[in-house]
C-alpha atoms as a PDB file:
ATOM      1  CA  SER A   1       7.300  -8.359   6.685  1.00  0.00           C
ATOM      2  CA  PHE A   2       5.096 -11.230   4.984  1.00  0.00           C
ATOM      3  CA  LEU A   3       3.207 -11.608   7.990  1.00  0.00           C
ATOM      4  CA  LEU A   4       2.430  -8.109   7.596  1.00  0.00           C
ATOM      5  CA  PHE A   5       2.396  -7.783   3.381  1.00  0.00           C
ATOM      6  CA  PHE A   6       0.668 -10.857   3.371  1.00  0.00           C
ATOM      7  CA  PRO A   7      -3.469  -9.694   4.890  1.00  0.00           C
ATOM      8  CA  MET A   8      -2.963  -6.474   3.739  1.00  0.00           C
ATOM      9  CA  VAL A   9      -3.571  -8.408   0.204  1.00  0.00           C
ATOM     10  CA  PHE A  10      -6.346  -9.735   1.331  1.00  0.00           C
ATOM     11  CA  LEU A  11      -8.373  -6.198   1.813  1.00  0.00           C
ATOM     12  CA  THR A  12      -7.325  -4.709  -1.085  1.00  0.00           C
ATOM     13  CA  PRO A  13      -9.662  -4.605  -4.241  1.00  0.00           C
ATOM     14  CA  ALA A  14      -7.206  -7.156  -5.624  1.00  0.00           C
ATOM     15  CA  TRP A  15      -8.960  -9.872  -6.097  1.00  0.00           C
ATOM     16  CA  MET A  16     -12.099  -7.401  -6.674  1.00  0.00           C
ATOM     17  CA  PRO A  17     -13.543  -4.214  -7.836  1.00  0.00           C
ATOM     18  CA  ARG A  18     -13.219  -1.669  -5.499  1.00  0.00           C
ATOM     19  CA  ASP A  19     -16.706  -0.585  -5.881  1.00  0.00           C
ATOM     20  CA  ALA A  20     -18.218  -3.514  -6.127  1.00  0.00           C
ATOM     21  CA  LEU A  21     -16.586  -3.371  -1.469  1.00  0.00           C
ATOM     22  CA  THR A  22     -18.920  -2.728  -0.022  1.00  0.00           C
ATOM     23  CA  GLY A  23     -18.824  -1.373   4.696  1.00  0.00           C
ATOM     24  CA  TRP A  24     -16.030  -2.271   6.395  1.00  0.00           C
ATOM     25  CA  LEU A  25     -13.694  -3.580   3.540  1.00  0.00           C
ATOM     26  CA  ALA A  26     -14.266  -0.208   1.050  1.00  0.00           C
ATOM     27  CA  ALA A  27     -13.086   1.896   4.171  1.00  0.00           C
ATOM     28  CA  ILE A  28     -10.225  -0.102   4.961  1.00  0.00           C
ATOM     29  CA  ALA A  29      -9.278  -0.167   1.202  1.00  0.00           C
ATOM     30  CA  THR A  30      -9.568   2.896   0.706  1.00  0.00           C
ATOM     31  CA  TRP A  31      -6.667   3.731   4.156  1.00  0.00           C
ATOM     32  CA  ASN A  32      -5.073   0.626   2.765  1.00  0.00           C
ATOM     33  CA  PRO A  33      -1.378   1.311   0.374  1.00  0.00           C
ATOM     34  CA  VAL A  34      -1.148  -1.091  -0.994  1.00  0.00           C
ATOM     35  CA  THR A  35      -4.489  -0.907  -2.779  1.00  0.00           C
ATOM     36  CA  TYR A  36      -3.182   2.173  -4.721  1.00  0.00           C
ATOM     37  CA  ILE A  37       0.070  -0.031  -5.414  1.00  0.00           C
ATOM     38  CA  ILE A  38      -2.336  -2.494  -6.796  1.00  0.00           C
ATOM     39  CA  GLU A  39      -4.366  -0.054  -8.842  1.00  0.00           C
ATOM     40  CA  GLY A  40      -1.373   1.148 -10.365  1.00  0.00           C
ATOM     41  CA  LEU A  41      -0.772  -1.998 -11.094  1.00  0.00           C
ATOM     42  CA  ARG A  42      -3.428  -3.177 -13.330  1.00  0.00           C
ATOM     43  CA  THR A  43      -3.124   0.805 -15.112  1.00  0.00           C
ATOM     44  CA  LEU A  44      -0.181  -0.356 -16.030  1.00  0.00           C
ATOM     45  CA  PHE A  45      -1.116  -3.105 -18.146  1.00  0.00           C
ATOM     46  CA  ILE A  46      -4.846  -1.693 -18.987  1.00  0.00           C
ATOM     47  CA  GLY A  47      -4.144   1.449 -19.917  1.00  0.00           C
ATOM     48  CA  TRP A  48      -2.201   4.091 -18.315  1.00  0.00           C
ATOM     49  CA  ASP A  49      -3.562   6.829 -16.153  1.00  0.00           C
ATOM     50  CA  GLY A  50      -1.901   9.783 -15.303  1.00  0.00           C
ATOM     51  CA  ALA A  51      -3.621   9.637 -11.533  1.00  0.00           C
ATOM     52  CA  ALA A  52      -3.436   6.160 -10.207  1.00  0.00           C
ATOM     53  CA  LEU A  53       0.641   6.425 -11.289  1.00  0.00           C
ATOM     54  CA  GLY A  54       1.220   9.420  -9.245  1.00  0.00           C
ATOM     55  CA  LYS A  55      -1.331   7.355  -6.226  1.00  0.00           C
ATOM     56  CA  THR A  56       0.969   4.395  -7.123  1.00  0.00           C
ATOM     57  CA  LEU A  57       3.550   6.659  -6.720  1.00  0.00           C
ATOM     58  CA  ALA A  58       2.696   8.626  -3.060  1.00  0.00           C
ATOM     59  CA  ALA A  59       1.942   4.876  -1.555  1.00  0.00           C
ATOM     60  CA  VAL A  60       5.583   3.420  -3.000  1.00  0.00           C
ATOM     61  CA  GLY A  61       7.207   6.561  -1.491  1.00  0.00           C
ATOM     62  CA  GLY A  62       4.691   6.156   2.035  1.00  0.00           C
ATOM     63  CA  MET A  63       5.846   3.592   2.723  1.00  0.00           C
ATOM     64  CA  GLY A  64       9.089   3.904   1.910  1.00  0.00           C
ATOM     65  CA  ALA A  65       9.995   6.777   4.495  1.00  0.00           C
ATOM     66  CA  LEU A  66       7.807   5.554   7.064  1.00  0.00           C
ATOM     67  CA  SER A  67      10.262   1.675   6.927  1.00  0.00           C
ATOM     68  CA  GLN A  68      13.232   3.979   6.810  1.00  0.00           C
ATOM     69  CA  TYR A  69      11.686   5.568  10.331  1.00  0.00           C
ATOM     70  CA  LEU A  70      10.992   2.209  11.487  1.00  0.00           C
ATOM     71  CA  ALA A  71      13.828   0.643  10.880  1.00  0.00           C
ATOM     72  CA  PHE A  72      16.438   3.677  11.870  1.00  0.00           C
ATOM     73  CA  SER A  73      14.859   4.306  15.224  1.00  0.00           C
ATOM     74  CA  ALA A  74      15.063  -0.189  15.622  1.00  0.00           C
ATOM     75  CA  LEU A  75      19.344   1.020  14.671  1.00  0.00           C
ATOM     76  CA  LYS A  76      19.637   3.623  17.118  1.00  0.00           C
ATOM     77  CA  ARG A  77      17.730   2.510  19.873  1.00  0.00           C
ATOM     78  CA  ARG A  78      20.417  -0.905  19.771  1.00  0.00           C
ATOM     79  CA  THR A  79      22.948   0.373  18.999  1.00  0.00           C
ATOM     80  CA  THR A  80      23.032   3.850  21.121  1.00  0.00           C
ATOM     81  CA  PRO A  81      23.940   2.298  25.372  1.00  0.00           C
END
């Protein structure tokens, strides 16, 4: 999971505002779920923004659901003869 998550952090606005990103990096940051997690955490420190927190919860829920689906699919393949 580290090999997947670590590069995703560099394709997010963790190091600069999303408005400063241009071209392909802005497009990737828009579709990257880690972007919304980072922006949600940032809004907890700076000030409460309901829309950003909602996107964060949706991103966490989506990533959790996808991870569970992939884990259960792999478990089913390994345990069924």
